[in-house]
Structure formats: structure tokens, C-alpha cells
Amino acid sequence: INKGEHRERVPWLAVTIPLTTLCVLLAILSMFFLIMTARKKRQSEGTYSPSSQ
């Protein structure tokens, strides 16, 4: 029974699943922050108008 349980599959999954979830969460958070900063920049700067120059 011990040999069957000690196949390195459990630790591999235990390491990869949290890592993948972390990567996905980081990607979502980075995209969210990028969108928020872009919206803030648009609101503060406004649209580009060559007539103001």
C-alpha cells in the first residue's frame, strides 16, 4: 500500500494546483489594475485634442 501511495503524484499535484491558481489570480489582478489605471488616466487627462496645443 505504501508503494502505491508514494508515487510522487500527490506532491506534484499539491504543488502545481496552488501555483496555477496563484498565477491565474495574479493575471486577473494585474489585468484589473491595468484597466483601472487606464480608466483613471483617461478620466484625469481626458481625450487627446490637438486644438489645445
N, C-alpha and C. Protein backbone atom coordinates (compact mmCIF):
# COMPACT_ATOMS: atom_id res chain seq x y z
N ILE A 1 0.85 -1.20 0.00
CA ILE A 1 0.00 0.00 0.00
C ILE A 1 0.88 1.25 0.00
N ASN A 2 1.98 1.19 0.75
CA ASN A 2 2.86 2.35 0.82
C ASN A 2 3.46 2.69 -0.54
N LYS A 3 3.87 1.66 -1.29
CA LYS A 3 4.48 1.92 -2.60
C LYS A 3 3.48 2.59 -3.55
N GLY A 4 2.24 2.17 -3.50
CA GLY A 4 1.23 2.76 -4.38
C GLY A 4 0.95 4.22 -4.03
N GLU A 5 0.98 4.54 -2.76
CA GLU A 5 0.67 5.91 -2.36
C GLU A 5 1.86 6.85 -2.60
N HIS A 6 3.06 6.30 -2.60
CA HIS A 6 4.26 7.14 -2.69
C HIS A 6 4.72 7.25 -4.16
N ARG A 7 3.81 7.65 -5.04
CA ARG A 7 4.15 7.73 -6.48
C ARG A 7 4.52 9.15 -6.93
N GLU A 8 4.74 10.08 -6.03
CA GLU A 8 5.10 11.47 -6.36
C GLU A 8 3.97 12.21 -7.06
N ARG A 9 2.85 11.55 -7.28
CA ARG A 9 1.74 12.26 -7.95
C ARG A 9 1.08 13.24 -6.99
N VAL A 10 0.93 12.84 -5.74
CA VAL A 10 0.24 13.72 -4.79
C VAL A 10 1.03 15.01 -4.54
N PRO A 11 2.32 14.95 -4.23
CA PRO A 11 3.06 16.21 -4.02
C PRO A 11 3.12 17.06 -5.28
N TRP A 12 3.23 16.42 -6.46
CA TRP A 12 3.27 17.19 -7.71
C TRP A 12 1.97 17.97 -7.88
N LEU A 13 0.83 17.28 -7.67
CA LEU A 13 -0.45 17.97 -7.78
C LEU A 13 -0.59 19.03 -6.70
N ALA A 14 -0.14 18.69 -5.49
CA ALA A 14 -0.26 19.65 -4.38
C ALA A 14 0.57 20.90 -4.65
N VAL A 15 1.59 20.78 -5.49
CA VAL A 15 2.42 21.95 -5.80
C VAL A 15 1.89 22.69 -7.02
N THR A 16 1.47 21.95 -8.05
CA THR A 16 1.07 22.59 -9.29
C THR A 16 -0.29 23.28 -9.17
N ILE A 17 -1.23 22.66 -8.47
CA ILE A 17 -2.57 23.26 -8.39
C ILE A 17 -2.52 24.63 -7.71
N PRO A 18 -1.91 24.77 -6.54
CA PRO A 18 -1.83 26.11 -5.94
C PRO A 18 -1.03 27.09 -6.79
N LEU A 19 0.01 26.62 -7.45
CA LEU A 19 0.80 27.51 -8.30
C LEU A 19 -0.02 28.03 -9.47
N THR A 20 -0.77 27.13 -10.11
CA THR A 20 -1.59 27.55 -11.25
C THR A 20 -2.67 28.52 -10.79
N THR A 21 -3.29 28.23 -9.66
CA THR A 21 -4.33 29.14 -9.16
C THR A 21 -3.72 30.50 -8.82
N LEU A 22 -2.52 30.50 -8.25
CA LEU A 22 -1.85 31.76 -7.93
C LEU A 22 -1.55 32.54 -9.21
N CYS A 23 -1.06 31.85 -10.22
CA CYS A 23 -0.75 32.52 -11.49
C CYS A 23 -2.01 33.12 -12.10
N VAL A 24 -3.10 32.36 -12.08
CA VAL A 24 -4.35 32.87 -12.65
C VAL A 24 -4.83 34.08 -11.86
N LEU A 25 -4.76 33.99 -10.54
CA LEU A 25 -5.21 35.12 -9.71
C LEU A 25 -4.34 36.35 -9.96
N LEU A 26 -3.03 36.14 -10.08
CA LEU A 26 -2.13 37.26 -10.35
C LEU A 26 -2.44 37.89 -11.71
N ALA A 27 -2.70 37.06 -12.70
CA ALA A 27 -3.01 37.58 -14.03
C ALA A 27 -4.30 38.40 -13.98
N ILE A 28 -5.32 37.89 -13.28
CA ILE A 28 -6.59 38.62 -13.20
C ILE A 28 -6.38 39.94 -12.46
N LEU A 29 -5.62 39.89 -11.37
CA LEU A 29 -5.39 41.12 -10.60
C LEU A 29 -4.61 42.14 -11.44
N SER A 30 -3.59 41.70 -12.16
CA SER A 30 -2.80 42.62 -12.97
C SER A 30 -3.66 43.25 -14.06
N MET A 31 -4.51 42.43 -14.71
CA MET A 31 -5.40 42.97 -15.73
C MET A 31 -6.36 43.98 -15.11
N PHE A 32 -6.90 43.65 -13.94
CA PHE A 32 -7.83 44.57 -13.27
C PHE A 32 -7.15 45.90 -12.96
N PHE A 33 -5.92 45.84 -12.42
CA PHE A 33 -5.21 47.07 -12.09
C PHE A 33 -4.86 47.87 -13.35
N LEU A 34 -4.50 47.17 -14.42
CA LEU A 34 -4.20 47.86 -15.67
C LEU A 34 -5.42 48.59 -16.19
N ILE A 35 -6.58 47.93 -16.15
CA ILE A 35 -7.81 48.56 -16.62
C ILE A 35 -8.16 49.75 -15.73
N MET A 36 -8.02 49.58 -14.42
CA MET A 36 -8.35 50.67 -13.50
C MET A 36 -7.43 51.86 -13.73
N THR A 37 -6.13 51.63 -13.89
CA THR A 37 -5.20 52.74 -14.10
C THR A 37 -5.48 53.41 -15.45
N ALA A 38 -5.80 52.62 -16.46
CA ALA A 38 -6.11 53.20 -17.77
C ALA A 38 -7.36 54.07 -17.66
N ARG A 39 -8.36 53.61 -16.94
CA ARG A 39 -9.58 54.40 -16.78
C ARG A 39 -9.28 55.69 -16.01
N LYS A 40 -8.46 55.58 -14.96
CA LYS A 40 -8.12 56.78 -14.19
C LYS A 40 -7.36 57.78 -15.06
N LYS A 41 -6.43 57.29 -15.85
CA LYS A 41 -5.67 58.18 -16.73
C LYS A 41 -6.61 58.86 -17.73
N ARG A 42 -7.53 58.09 -18.29
CA ARG A 42 -8.47 58.67 -19.25
C ARG A 42 -9.32 59.75 -18.58
N GLN A 43 -9.77 59.48 -17.35
CA GLN A 43 -10.63 60.45 -16.67
C GLN A 43 -9.85 61.72 -16.34
N SER A 44 -8.60 61.57 -15.88
CA SER A 44 -7.84 62.75 -15.44
C SER A 44 -7.32 63.54 -16.65
N GLU A 45 -6.79 62.85 -17.65
CA GLU A 45 -6.20 63.54 -18.79
C GLU A 45 -7.25 63.96 -19.81
N GLY A 46 -8.27 63.14 -19.98
CA GLY A 46 -9.26 63.43 -21.00
C GLY A 46 -8.78 62.98 -22.36
N THR A 47 -9.61 63.14 -23.37
CA THR A 47 -9.25 62.70 -24.71
C THR A 47 -8.22 63.66 -25.30
N TYR A 48 -7.40 63.14 -26.20
CA TYR A 48 -6.36 63.96 -26.82
C TYR A 48 -6.98 64.90 -27.85
N SER A 49 -6.74 66.19 -27.66
CA SER A 49 -7.28 67.16 -28.63
C SER A 49 -6.14 68.02 -29.16
N PRO A 50 -5.83 67.95 -30.43
CA PRO A 50 -4.72 68.74 -30.99
C PRO A 50 -4.99 70.23 -30.94
N SER A 51 -6.25 70.64 -30.79
CA SER A 51 -6.56 72.07 -30.78
C SER A 51 -6.03 72.75 -29.52
N SER A 52 -5.81 71.99 -28.45
CA SER A 52 -5.33 72.59 -27.19
C SER A 52 -3.87 72.98 -27.30
N GLN A 53 -3.14 72.42 -28.22
CA GLN A 53 -1.71 72.74 -28.34
C GLN A 53 -1.53 74.13 -28.95
